[in-house]
């Protein structure tokens, strides 16, 4: 093509982009919220330097609590601060309950499962997941017993270190993973099981990639990135191995299924599948089961495990906080029995510490992207149906309007003037509304029981000088490569 033709074509494309931008991104009432002017093709990618959530927090200061960024050719509305996020996800939960397309997930689940779907498929699988997790013990004594047993396994593994320095991450990851594995496929793995180790490695590899800049580029330009070499090709190959593992589990469950005694979520799904066999509109297909199990593995293993890993790090960094938790545990629980969930009512300071850890660590700074389910009037704007919405949970957890000292680790955020625990609606570690995490009850039980059981037996000491540990830096680094540190677990005197 002649240089002049190239120039004319480029100018026409630029003009077309600007016309589309002006048509769909006006800044008055009845239009999309304001935001930085996008570049042709790239949109606002040059504004979105990593960590992405920090870029959005800076843009919030400039454009206010609701603004629009363009991820390539698509507008995305970002919601900041508790008031706005709560208004959207809770007060307008139906309008903001859609799931925006996530190309990286779609490549893996092919549009099946719970995380990346909408409409009747999402409703049926969401209802099934909540009901099944409850029936399997979530919120009941059965679940508590499972977590207590695994916490005792973890305590014995830590005791075997005999006070020597060790990296707690592998033991914590295995303990948390065994809980979700027992609920999903009725299996508990030993520490030296090679298949289990590979399963954990695949999930860690996937999540580190999912939070990376290359993943952001893939989700922005999937039609181009899919055919290029890069990390995503390795991730796709690794996910095929994870799918093969899940397929083998499903086949084994189908072969050994006892309709009178379902053991786990896979059994429950297969039984419902049998009931609906012959129905034209059933969502109980093998493809949905595979994608559902995959997402439960990732969510159930990775996020909770990372929260507990950071919890031990924080308790080591703040020994006075740890000592106060020790004192409360000794007074209210003692050493003769393991902690139980009902102890939360008697442990206000411990409960406050665990809630503050979840706020401060901010494990999920951005909710997975939502989408509007209809044209939505919202705070002076009219957001078109299908618009991508990002609830910026980091802006909720560090909102100066909601927290006395948002940038500091302060368990007092969750204590009233009398020292009693106070629940804060301004904490949303599991998001909120219709798309809130369905495993919230399980995660809360694990965080409480694993940490209190360890602290009942050990004093945690970091090898590094606590004053030299930059938690903000660790949080940023973790999102790209996972967490690794060493501590000593010193047995507490009787």
Foldseek 3Di string as FASTA:
>chain_A
DDPVVVVVVVVVQQVVLVVVCCVAAPPFFAHAHAFDAQDAQQWVVVLQDPPNLVSVVVRCVVRNQWHWTDRGSAIEIEGFADVRQCCCCPVVVQQFVFAFAQPLLCVLLVAAAARGHDDPRNVVRLVLVLVLVVVCPQVHVNLQVLLLVLLVVLLVVQVVCVQDKDKCLLSLLLSLLQSLCCAAQNDRDDSPDPVVVLLVVLLLLVQLVCSDPVSSVCRSCVVPVVPDDDPSVVNNVSSVVVLVVVVVSLVVCVVVADLVDDRHSSNVLVNVCVVCPPPPPDSSDPSHSSSHSVVSSNVRRPLLSQLLSVLLLVCQLVVVLLVVQLVQCCVQPNQPDADTPVCCQSRQLLVLLSLLSLLQLLSPQKDRWTFGCAQDRDPRYTNHGSHTYIHGLNSLSQPVVQAVHSNDRDSCRQADPVRGGHDGPSHQSQRDHPNGDSCVSSSVSNSSRSVRRLSNFWRKHFPDNSVPDDSVVQSSVCSNNHDTGMITTHTDDD
